Amino acid sequence: MFVLDARTELIQYYERCGYSKTACTESYPIHANVGQPLIDLKLQHMTKSVIK
């Protein structure tokens, strides 16, 4: 999943739920017509292992 890097409390929540940050980040998708951010934002990729 991708989470806004400025939402540190949300990233911490997902880490408590078993997700881990990866080295992958992406630019905020301004071209997707989702609004213009007021601060510099990146999307932080997070993953969670699935045990079957």
C-alpha atoms as a PDB file:
ATOM      1  CA  MET A   1       0.000   0.000   0.000  1.00  0.00           C
ATOM      2  CA  PHE A   2       1.073   3.622  -0.352  1.00  0.00           C
ATOM      3  CA  VAL A   3       0.749   6.168   2.473  1.00  0.00           C
ATOM      4  CA  LEU A   4       1.486   9.899   2.402  1.00  0.00           C
ATOM      5  CA  ASP A   5       4.908  10.360   4.011  1.00  0.00           C
ATOM      6  CA  ALA A   6       3.697  13.411   5.961  1.00  0.00           C
ATOM      7  CA  ARG A   7       1.210  11.202   7.848  1.00  0.00           C
ATOM      8  CA  THR A   8       3.788   9.852  10.298  1.00  0.00           C
ATOM      9  CA  GLU A   9       1.107   8.787  12.798  1.00  0.00           C
ATOM     10  CA  LEU A  10      -0.565   6.707  10.078  1.00  0.00           C
ATOM     11  CA  ILE A  11       2.742   5.090   9.105  1.00  0.00           C
ATOM     12  CA  GLN A  12       3.371   4.263  12.776  1.00  0.00           C
ATOM     13  CA  TYR A  13      -0.117   2.757  13.056  1.00  0.00           C
ATOM     14  CA  TYR A  14       0.446   0.494  10.060  1.00  0.00           C
ATOM     15  CA  GLU A  15       3.855  -0.525  11.446  1.00  0.00           C
ATOM     16  CA  ARG A  16       2.110  -1.624  14.659  1.00  0.00           C
ATOM     17  CA  CYS A  17      -0.274  -3.641  12.464  1.00  0.00           C
ATOM     18  CA  GLY A  18       2.645  -5.525  10.903  1.00  0.00           C
ATOM     19  CA  TYR A  19       3.421  -3.411   7.832  1.00  0.00           C
ATOM     20  CA  SER A  20       6.977  -2.366   6.997  1.00  0.00           C
ATOM     21  CA  LYS A  21       8.229   0.617   5.026  1.00  0.00           C
ATOM     22  CA  THR A  22      10.153  -0.246   1.883  1.00  0.00           C
ATOM     23  CA  ALA A  23      12.836   1.788   0.123  1.00  0.00           C
ATOM     24  CA  CYS A  24      10.277   2.644  -2.579  1.00  0.00           C
ATOM     25  CA  THR A  25       8.743   6.125  -2.622  1.00  0.00           C
ATOM     26  CA  GLU A  26       6.817   7.835  -5.399  1.00  0.00           C
ATOM     27  CA  SER A  27       5.993  11.425  -6.178  1.00  0.00           C
ATOM     28  CA  TYR A  28       2.578  12.756  -5.239  1.00  0.00           C
ATOM     29  CA  PRO A  29       0.242  12.093  -8.232  1.00  0.00           C
ATOM     30  CA  ILE A  30      -0.643  15.678  -9.171  1.00  0.00           C
ATOM     31  CA  HIS A  31      -1.442  14.500 -12.722  1.00  0.00           C
ATOM     32  CA  ALA A  32      -4.240  12.270 -11.317  1.00  0.00           C
ATOM     33  CA  ASN A  33      -6.296  15.400 -10.556  1.00  0.00           C
ATOM     34  CA  VAL A  34      -6.417  14.651  -6.813  1.00  0.00           C
ATOM     35  CA  GLY A  35      -5.543  18.164  -5.685  1.00  0.00           C
ATOM     36  CA  GLN A  36      -2.490  20.339  -5.186  1.00  0.00           C
ATOM     37  CA  PRO A  37      -0.660  19.695  -1.887  1.00  0.00           C
ATOM     38  CA  LEU A  38       0.385  22.653   0.252  1.00  0.00           C
ATOM     39  CA  ILE A  39       3.617  20.890   1.294  1.00  0.00           C
ATOM     40  CA  ASP A  40       6.048  18.600  -0.550  1.00  0.00           C
ATOM     41  CA  LEU A  41       4.533  15.118  -0.374  1.00  0.00           C
ATOM     42  CA  LYS A  42       5.738  11.691  -1.371  1.00  0.00           C
ATOM     43  CA  LEU A  43       3.976   8.333  -1.268  1.00  0.00           C
ATOM     44  CA  GLN A  44       5.679   5.809   1.029  1.00  0.00           C
ATOM     45  CA  HIS A  45       5.317   2.167  -0.022  1.00  0.00           C
ATOM     46  CA  MET A  46       4.511  -0.265   2.797  1.00  0.00           C
ATOM     47  CA  THR A  47       4.161  -4.042   2.673  1.00  0.00           C
ATOM     48  CA  LYS A  48       2.935  -6.793   4.957  1.00  0.00           C
ATOM     49  CA  SER A  49       3.857 -10.458   4.787  1.00  0.00           C
ATOM     50  CA  VAL A  50       0.956 -12.827   4.344  1.00  0.00           C
ATOM     51  CA  ILE A  51       1.354 -16.168   6.067  1.00  0.00           C
ATOM     52  CA  LYS A  52      -0.738 -18.987   4.619  1.00  0.00           C
END
